[in-house]
Amino acid sequence: MLADRKSGQRGLFDGDGDDAATTTSSVLPNLPEFPEKEKLVMEKEVLGFYLTSHPLSQHEATLRTYCSHNEQAIAES
């Protein structure tokens, strides 16, 4: 435990009140948002699914034009 403190490591429930010595104040840069395609690629890579949108959502109107069935029609048949 003493070696951990010397190296700057703390436990989850360490409450020795020495927060001021280990807390650093840093300013984060103001970065622009990622482009939609790049964000979707990263979501799929990290989560395994798309969270904010879907890559085909920009083609929704075109896909509806050529769609002959949907899941509701298939379930009813």
PDB file of N, CA and C in Angstrom:
ATOM      1  N   MET A   1       0.834  -1.184   0.000  1.00  0.00           N
ATOM      2  CA  MET A   1       0.000   0.000   0.000  1.00  0.00           C
ATOM      3  C   MET A   1       0.880   1.250   0.000  1.00  0.00           C
ATOM      4  N   LEU A   2       1.948   1.212   0.747  1.00  0.00           N
ATOM      5  CA  LEU A   2       2.857   2.340   0.790  1.00  0.00           C
ATOM      6  C   LEU A   2       3.543   2.533  -0.561  1.00  0.00           C
ATOM      7  N   ALA A   3       3.870   1.429  -1.219  1.00  0.00           N
ATOM      8  CA  ALA A   3       4.505   1.506  -2.543  1.00  0.00           C
ATOM      9  C   ALA A   3       3.538   2.110  -3.561  1.00  0.00           C
ATOM     10  N   ASP A   4       2.252   1.782  -3.428  1.00  0.00           N
ATOM     11  CA  ASP A   4       1.246   2.347  -4.328  1.00  0.00           C
ATOM     12  C   ASP A   4       1.161   3.860  -4.165  1.00  0.00           C
ATOM     13  N   ARG A   5       1.174   4.310  -2.948  1.00  0.00           N
ATOM     14  CA  ARG A   5       1.100   5.758  -2.698  1.00  0.00           C
ATOM     15  C   ARG A   5       2.327   6.482  -3.231  1.00  0.00           C
ATOM     16  N   LYS A   6       3.483   5.858  -3.088  1.00  0.00           N
ATOM     17  CA  LYS A   6       4.707   6.472  -3.603  1.00  0.00           C
ATOM     18  C   LYS A   6       4.686   6.584  -5.121  1.00  0.00           C
ATOM     19  N   SER A   7       4.059   5.605  -5.775  1.00  0.00           N
ATOM     20  CA  SER A   7       4.006   5.630  -7.237  1.00  0.00           C
ATOM     21  C   SER A   7       2.829   6.447  -7.756  1.00  0.00           C
ATOM     22  N   GLY A   8       1.998   6.953  -6.854  1.00  0.00           N
ATOM     23  CA  GLY A   8       0.874   7.797  -7.265  1.00  0.00           C
ATOM     24  C   GLY A   8      -0.413   7.042  -7.500  1.00  0.00           C
ATOM     25  N   GLN A   9      -0.441   5.765  -7.211  1.00  0.00           N
ATOM     26  CA  GLN A   9      -1.655   4.974  -7.394  1.00  0.00           C
ATOM     27  C   GLN A   9      -2.503   5.026  -6.143  1.00  0.00           C
ATOM     28  N   ARG A  10      -3.817   4.996  -6.373  1.00  0.00           N
ATOM     29  CA  ARG A  10      -4.753   5.011  -5.249  1.00  0.00           C
ATOM     30  C   ARG A  10      -5.797   3.947  -5.468  1.00  0.00           C
ATOM     31  N   GLY A  11      -6.396   3.499  -4.403  1.00  0.00           N
ATOM     32  CA  GLY A  11      -7.482   2.548  -4.494  1.00  0.00           C
ATOM     33  C   GLY A  11      -8.798   3.272  -4.739  1.00  0.00           C
ATOM     34  N   LEU A  12      -9.790   2.506  -5.125  1.00  0.00           N
ATOM     35  CA  LEU A  12     -11.098   3.082  -5.421  1.00  0.00           C
ATOM     36  C   LEU A  12     -11.713   3.763  -4.198  1.00  0.00           C
ATOM     37  N   PHE A  13     -11.507   3.198  -3.017  1.00  0.00           N
ATOM     38  CA  PHE A  13     -12.133   3.724  -1.816  1.00  0.00           C
ATOM     39  C   PHE A  13     -11.147   4.417  -0.886  1.00  0.00           C
ATOM     40  N   ASP A  14      -9.986   4.787  -1.407  1.00  0.00           N
ATOM     41  CA  ASP A  14      -9.038   5.534  -0.586  1.00  0.00           C
ATOM     42  C   ASP A  14      -9.614   6.909  -0.301  1.00  0.00           C
ATOM     43  N   GLY A  15      -9.768   7.225   0.935  1.00  0.00           N
ATOM     44  CA  GLY A  15     -10.337   8.505   1.316  1.00  0.00           C
ATOM     45  C   GLY A  15      -9.435   9.258   2.264  1.00  0.00           C
ATOM     46  N   ASP A  16      -8.170   9.360   1.924  1.00  0.00           N
ATOM     47  CA  ASP A  16      -7.233   9.995   2.832  1.00  0.00           C
ATOM     48  C   ASP A  16      -7.292  11.521   2.774  1.00  0.00           C
ATOM     49  N   GLY A  17      -8.133  12.086   1.896  1.00  0.00           N
ATOM     50  CA  GLY A  17      -8.284  13.537   1.846  1.00  0.00           C
ATOM     51  C   GLY A  17      -7.172  14.249   1.107  1.00  0.00           C
ATOM     52  N   ASP A  18      -6.335  13.538   0.415  1.00  0.00           N
ATOM     53  CA  ASP A  18      -5.202  14.134  -0.290  1.00  0.00           C
ATOM     54  C   ASP A  18      -5.543  14.366  -1.758  1.00  0.00           C
ATOM     55  N   ASP A  19      -6.789  14.728  -2.034  1.00  0.00           N
ATOM     56  CA  ASP A  19      -7.241  14.911  -3.416  1.00  0.00           C
ATOM     57  C   ASP A  19      -6.577  16.100  -4.096  1.00  0.00           C
ATOM     58  N   ALA A  20      -6.258  17.116  -3.364  1.00  0.00           N
ATOM     59  CA  ALA A  20      -5.675  18.322  -3.961  1.00  0.00           C
ATOM     60  C   ALA A  20      -4.307  18.043  -4.570  1.00  0.00           C
ATOM     61  N   ALA A  21      -3.566  17.140  -3.980  1.00  0.00           N
ATOM     62  CA  ALA A  21      -2.218  16.847  -4.476  1.00  0.00           C
ATOM     63  C   ALA A  21      -2.248  16.023  -5.754  1.00  0.00           C
ATOM     64  N   THR A  22      -3.269  15.190  -5.936  1.00  0.00           N
ATOM     65  CA  THR A  22      -3.310  14.302  -7.098  1.00  0.00           C
ATOM     66  C   THR A  22      -4.199  14.814  -8.210  1.00  0.00           C
ATOM     67  N   THR A  23      -5.055  15.770  -7.952  1.00  0.00           N
ATOM     68  CA  THR A  23      -5.948  16.297  -8.966  1.00  0.00           C
ATOM     69  C   THR A  23      -5.224  17.326  -9.809  1.00  0.00           C
ATOM     70  N   THR A  24      -5.286  17.145 -11.118  1.00  0.00           N
ATOM     71  CA  THR A  24      -4.679  18.117 -12.016  1.00  0.00           C
ATOM     72  C   THR A  24      -5.773  18.827 -12.781  1.00  0.00           C
ATOM     73  N   SER A  25      -5.569  20.074 -13.010  1.00  0.00           N
ATOM     74  CA  SER A  25      -6.530  20.869 -13.752  1.00  0.00           C
ATOM     75  C   SER A  25      -5.988  21.094 -15.152  1.00  0.00           C
ATOM     76  N   SER A  26      -6.661  20.534 -16.138  1.00  0.00           N
ATOM     77  CA  SER A  26      -6.219  20.715 -17.509  1.00  0.00           C
ATOM     78  C   SER A  26      -7.399  21.175 -18.356  1.00  0.00           C
ATOM     79  N   VAL A  27      -7.110  21.994 -19.304  1.00  0.00           N
ATOM     80  CA  VAL A  27      -8.135  22.525 -20.191  1.00  0.00           C
ATOM     81  C   VAL A  27      -8.155  21.666 -21.446  1.00  0.00           C
ATOM     82  N   LEU A  28      -9.320  21.160 -21.795  1.00  0.00           N
ATOM     83  CA  LEU A  28      -9.455  20.336 -22.983  1.00  0.00           C
ATOM     84  C   LEU A  28      -9.643  21.227 -24.207  1.00  0.00           C
ATOM     85  N   PRO A  29      -9.067  20.856 -25.325  1.00  0.00           N
ATOM     86  CA  PRO A  29      -9.216  21.676 -26.531  1.00  0.00           C
ATOM     87  C   PRO A  29     -10.628  21.578 -27.093  1.00  0.00           C
ATOM     88  N   ASN A  30     -11.074  22.630 -27.725  1.00  0.00           N
ATOM     89  CA  ASN A  30     -12.384  22.653 -28.354  1.00  0.00           C
ATOM     90  C   ASN A  30     -12.233  22.114 -29.776  1.00  0.00           C
ATOM     91  N   LEU A  31     -12.613  20.853 -29.971  1.00  0.00           N
ATOM     92  CA  LEU A  31     -12.451  20.187 -31.252  1.00  0.00           C
ATOM     93  C   LEU A  31     -13.770  20.128 -32.003  1.00  0.00           C
ATOM     94  N   PRO A  32     -13.730  20.151 -33.327  1.00  0.00           N
ATOM     95  CA  PRO A  32     -14.970  20.009 -34.094  1.00  0.00           C
ATOM     96  C   PRO A  32     -15.504  18.581 -33.991  1.00  0.00           C
ATOM     97  N   GLU A  33     -16.809  18.434 -34.236  1.00  0.00           N
ATOM     98  CA  GLU A  33     -17.429  17.118 -34.198  1.00  0.00           C
ATOM     99  C   GLU A  33     -16.937  16.275 -35.373  1.00  0.00           C
ATOM    100  N   PHE A  34     -16.867  14.963 -35.169  1.00  0.00           N
ATOM    101  CA  PHE A  34     -16.464  14.061 -36.231  1.00  0.00           C
ATOM    102  C   PHE A  34     -17.504  14.059 -37.345  1.00  0.00           C
ATOM    103  N   PRO A  35     -17.087  13.855 -38.574  1.00  0.00           N
ATOM    104  CA  PRO A  35     -18.060  13.691 -39.660  1.00  0.00           C
ATOM    105  C   PRO A  35     -18.943  12.465 -39.399  1.00  0.00           C
ATOM    106  N   GLU A  36     -20.161  12.486 -39.931  1.00  0.00           N
ATOM    107  CA  GLU A  36     -21.146  11.426 -39.667  1.00  0.00           C
ATOM    108  C   GLU A  36     -20.607  10.035 -40.016  1.00  0.00           C
ATOM    109  N   LYS A  37     -20.011   9.879 -41.180  1.00  0.00           N
ATOM    110  CA  LYS A  37     -19.505   8.565 -41.586  1.00  0.00           C
ATOM    111  C   LYS A  37     -18.424   8.061 -40.637  1.00  0.00           C
ATOM    112  N   GLU A  38     -17.520   8.939 -40.255  1.00  0.00           N
ATOM    113  CA  GLU A  38     -16.434   8.555 -39.358  1.00  0.00           C
ATOM    114  C   GLU A  38     -16.974   8.168 -37.977  1.00  0.00           C
ATOM    115  N   LYS A  39     -17.977   8.906 -37.504  1.00  0.00           N
ATOM    116  CA  LYS A  39     -18.583   8.602 -36.209  1.00  0.00           C
ATOM    117  C   LYS A  39     -19.256   7.225 -36.239  1.00  0.00           C
ATOM    118  N   LEU A  40     -19.943   6.911 -37.334  1.00  0.00           N
ATOM    119  CA  LEU A  40     -20.611   5.615 -37.453  1.00  0.00           C
ATOM    120  C   LEU A  40     -19.605   4.471 -37.502  1.00  0.00           C
ATOM    121  N   VAL A  41     -18.502   4.669 -38.192  1.00  0.00           N
ATOM    122  CA  VAL A  41     -17.453   3.643 -38.254  1.00  0.00           C
ATOM    123  C   VAL A  41     -16.900   3.379 -36.858  1.00  0.00           C
ATOM    124  N   MET A  42     -16.659   4.438 -36.103  1.00  0.00           N
ATOM    125  CA  MET A  42     -16.124   4.275 -34.751  1.00  0.00           C
ATOM    126  C   MET A  42     -17.137   3.610 -33.824  1.00  0.00           C
ATOM    127  N   GLU A  43     -18.424   3.964 -33.941  1.00  0.00           N
ATOM    128  CA  GLU A  43     -19.460   3.328 -33.122  1.00  0.00           C
ATOM    129  C   GLU A  43     -19.519   1.835 -33.393  1.00  0.00           C
ATOM    130  N   LYS A  44     -19.514   1.475 -34.674  1.00  0.00           N
ATOM    131  CA  LYS A  44     -19.586   0.059 -35.038  1.00  0.00           C
ATOM    132  C   LYS A  44     -18.366  -0.700 -34.527  1.00  0.00           C
ATOM    133  N   GLU A  45     -17.211  -0.080 -34.600  1.00  0.00           N
ATOM    134  CA  GLU A  45     -15.974  -0.726 -34.153  1.00  0.00           C
ATOM    135  C   GLU A  45     -15.975  -0.932 -32.639  1.00  0.00           C
ATOM    136  N   VAL A  46     -16.413   0.072 -31.899  1.00  0.00           N
ATOM    137  CA  VAL A  46     -16.344   0.005 -30.434  1.00  0.00           C
ATOM    138  C   VAL A  46     -17.525  -0.759 -29.838  1.00  0.00           C
ATOM    139  N   LEU A  47     -18.741  -0.459 -30.305  1.00  0.00           N
ATOM    140  CA  LEU A  47     -19.940  -1.036 -29.702  1.00  0.00           C
ATOM    141  C   LEU A  47     -20.426  -2.303 -30.390  1.00  0.00           C
ATOM    142  N   GLY A  48     -20.116  -2.435 -31.682  1.00  0.00           N
ATOM    143  CA  GLY A  48     -20.617  -3.577 -32.439  1.00  0.00           C
ATOM    144  C   GLY A  48     -21.944  -3.292 -33.118  1.00  0.00           C
ATOM    145  N   PHE A  49     -22.483  -2.099 -32.935  1.00  0.00           N
ATOM    146  CA  PHE A  49     -23.715  -1.681 -33.604  1.00  0.00           C
ATOM    147  C   PHE A  49     -23.709  -0.170 -33.742  1.00  0.00           C
ATOM    148  N   TYR A  50     -24.634   0.341 -34.545  1.00  0.00           N
ATOM    149  CA  TYR A  50     -24.728   1.784 -34.764  1.00  0.00           C
ATOM    150  C   TYR A  50     -25.641   2.371 -33.710  1.00  0.00           C
ATOM    151  N   LEU A  51     -25.234   3.474 -33.117  1.00  0.00           N
ATOM    152  CA  LEU A  51     -25.992   4.076 -32.027  1.00  0.00           C
ATOM    153  C   LEU A  51     -26.718   5.341 -32.470  1.00  0.00           C
ATOM    154  N   THR A  52     -26.042   6.248 -33.127  1.00  0.00           N
ATOM    155  CA  THR A  52     -26.628   7.540 -33.442  1.00  0.00           C
ATOM    156  C   THR A  52     -27.431   7.548 -34.737  1.00  0.00           C
ATOM    157  N   SER A  53     -27.109   6.680 -35.664  1.00  0.00           N
ATOM    158  CA  SER A  53     -27.773   6.651 -36.965  1.00  0.00           C
ATOM    159  C   SER A  53     -27.435   5.325 -37.628  1.00  0.00           C
ATOM    160  N   HIS A  54     -27.682   5.229 -38.929  1.00  0.00           N
ATOM    161  CA  HIS A  54     -27.330   4.047 -39.703  1.00  0.00           C
ATOM    162  C   HIS A  54     -26.762   4.526 -41.030  1.00  0.00           C
ATOM    163  N   PRO A  55     -25.771   3.835 -41.571  1.00  0.00           N
ATOM    164  CA  PRO A  55     -25.153   4.287 -42.823  1.00  0.00           C
ATOM    165  C   PRO A  55     -26.130   4.388 -43.995  1.00  0.00           C
ATOM    166  N   LEU A  56     -27.197   3.617 -43.986  1.00  0.00           N
ATOM    167  CA  LEU A  56     -28.164   3.659 -45.085  1.00  0.00           C
ATOM    168  C   LEU A  56     -29.284   4.682 -44.872  1.00  0.00           C
ATOM    169  N   SER A  57     -29.283   5.385 -43.756  1.00  0.00           N
ATOM    170  CA  SER A  57     -30.371   6.330 -43.477  1.00  0.00           C
ATOM    171  C   SER A  57     -30.423   7.461 -44.506  1.00  0.00           C
ATOM    172  N   GLN A  58     -29.288   7.814 -45.089  1.00  0.00           N
ATOM    173  CA  GLN A  58     -29.288   8.861 -46.103  1.00  0.00           C
ATOM    174  C   GLN A  58     -29.950   8.393 -47.409  1.00  0.00           C
ATOM    175  N   HIS A  59     -30.106   7.085 -47.583  1.00  0.00           N
ATOM    176  CA  HIS A  59     -30.712   6.519 -48.783  1.00  0.00           C
ATOM    177  C   HIS A  59     -32.116   5.979 -48.517  1.00  0.00           C
ATOM    178  N   GLU A  60     -32.725   6.375 -47.421  1.00  0.00           N
ATOM    179  CA  GLU A  60     -34.010   5.817 -47.001  1.00  0.00           C
ATOM    180  C   GLU A  60     -35.096   6.018 -48.051  1.00  0.00           C
ATOM    181  N   ALA A  61     -35.212   7.199 -48.609  1.00  0.00           N
ATOM    182  CA  ALA A  61     -36.259   7.463 -49.608  1.00  0.00           C
ATOM    183  C   ALA A  61     -36.078   6.589 -50.844  1.00  0.00           C
ATOM    184  N   THR A  62     -34.863   6.436 -51.303  1.00  0.00           N
ATOM    185  CA  THR A  62     -34.594   5.599 -52.473  1.00  0.00           C
ATOM    186  C   THR A  62     -34.902   4.138 -52.177  1.00  0.00           C
ATOM    187  N   LEU A  63     -34.521   3.661 -51.012  1.00  0.00           N
ATOM    188  CA  LEU A  63     -34.779   2.274 -50.647  1.00  0.00           C
ATOM    189  C   LEU A  63     -36.274   1.994 -50.534  1.00  0.00           C
ATOM    190  N   ARG A  64     -37.045   2.935 -50.021  1.00  0.00           N
ATOM    191  CA  ARG A  64     -38.498   2.751 -49.919  1.00  0.00           C
ATOM    192  C   ARG A  64     -39.139   2.643 -51.298  1.00  0.00           C
ATOM    193  N   THR A  65     -38.575   3.327 -52.276  1.00  0.00           N
ATOM    194  CA  THR A  65     -39.105   3.267 -53.644  1.00  0.00           C
ATOM    195  C   THR A  65     -39.005   1.852 -54.202  1.00  0.00           C
ATOM    196  N   TYR A  66     -37.912   1.180 -53.907  1.00  0.00           N
ATOM    197  CA  TYR A  66     -37.676  -0.147 -54.467  1.00  0.00           C
ATOM    198  C   TYR A  66     -38.076  -1.285 -53.534  1.00  0.00           C
ATOM    199  N   CYS A  67     -38.577  -0.970 -52.378  1.00  0.00           N
ATOM    200  CA  CYS A  67     -38.959  -1.989 -51.403  1.00  0.00           C
ATOM    201  C   CYS A  67     -40.344  -2.546 -51.735  1.00  0.00           C
ATOM    202  N   SER A  68     -40.443  -3.860 -51.869  1.00  0.00           N
ATOM    203  CA  SER A  68     -41.734  -4.466 -52.176  1.00  0.00           C
ATOM    204  C   SER A  68     -42.401  -5.064 -50.942  1.00  0.00           C
ATOM    205  N   HIS A  69     -41.649  -5.352 -49.905  1.00  0.00           N
ATOM    206  CA  HIS A  69     -42.186  -5.939 -48.678  1.00  0.00           C
ATOM    207  C   HIS A  69     -41.511  -5.298 -47.466  1.00  0.00           C
ATOM    208  N   ASN A  70     -42.188  -5.347 -46.340  1.00  0.00           N
ATOM    209  CA  ASN A  70     -41.580  -4.943 -45.071  1.00  0.00           C
ATOM    210  C   ASN A  70     -41.809  -6.054 -44.053  1.00  0.00           C
ATOM    211  N   GLU A  71     -41.260  -5.904 -42.873  1.00  0.00           N
ATOM    212  CA  GLU A  71     -41.354  -6.981 -41.891  1.00  0.00           C
ATOM    213  C   GLU A  71     -42.778  -7.246 -41.441  1.00  0.00           C
ATOM    214  N   GLN A  72     -43.631  -6.237 -41.452  1.00  0.00           N
ATOM    215  CA  GLN A  72     -45.029  -6.424 -41.052  1.00  0.00           C
ATOM    216  C   GLN A  72     -45.772  -7.264 -42.093  1.00  0.00           C
ATOM    217  N   ALA A  73     -45.555  -6.974 -43.368  1.00  0.00           N
ATOM    218  CA  ALA A  73     -46.219  -7.752 -44.441  1.00  0.00           C
ATOM    219  C   ALA A  73     -45.735  -9.192 -44.433  1.00  0.00           C
ATOM    220  N   ILE A  74     -44.476  -9.401 -44.165  1.00  0.00           N
ATOM    221  CA  ILE A  74     -43.944 -10.759 -44.130  1.00  0.00           C
ATOM    222  C   ILE A  74     -44.515 -11.532 -42.939  1.00  0.00           C
ATOM    223  N   ALA A  75     -44.668 -10.874 -41.803  1.00  0.00           N
ATOM    224  CA  ALA A  75     -45.204 -11.519 -40.606  1.00  0.00           C
ATOM    225  C   ALA A  75     -46.671 -11.907 -40.797  1.00  0.00           C
ATOM    226  N   GLU A  76     -47.407 -11.112 -41.556  1.00  0.00           N
ATOM    227  CA  GLU A  76     -48.824 -11.380 -41.769  1.00  0.00           C
ATOM    228  C   GLU A  76     -49.056 -12.503 -42.768  1.00  0.00           C
ATOM    229  N   SER A  77     -48.072 -12.806 -43.597  1.00  0.00           N
ATOM    230  CA  SER A  77     -48.293 -13.848 -44.614  1.00  0.00           C
ATOM    231  C   SER A  77     -47.945 -15.229 -44.138  1.00  0.00           C
TER     232      SER A  77
END
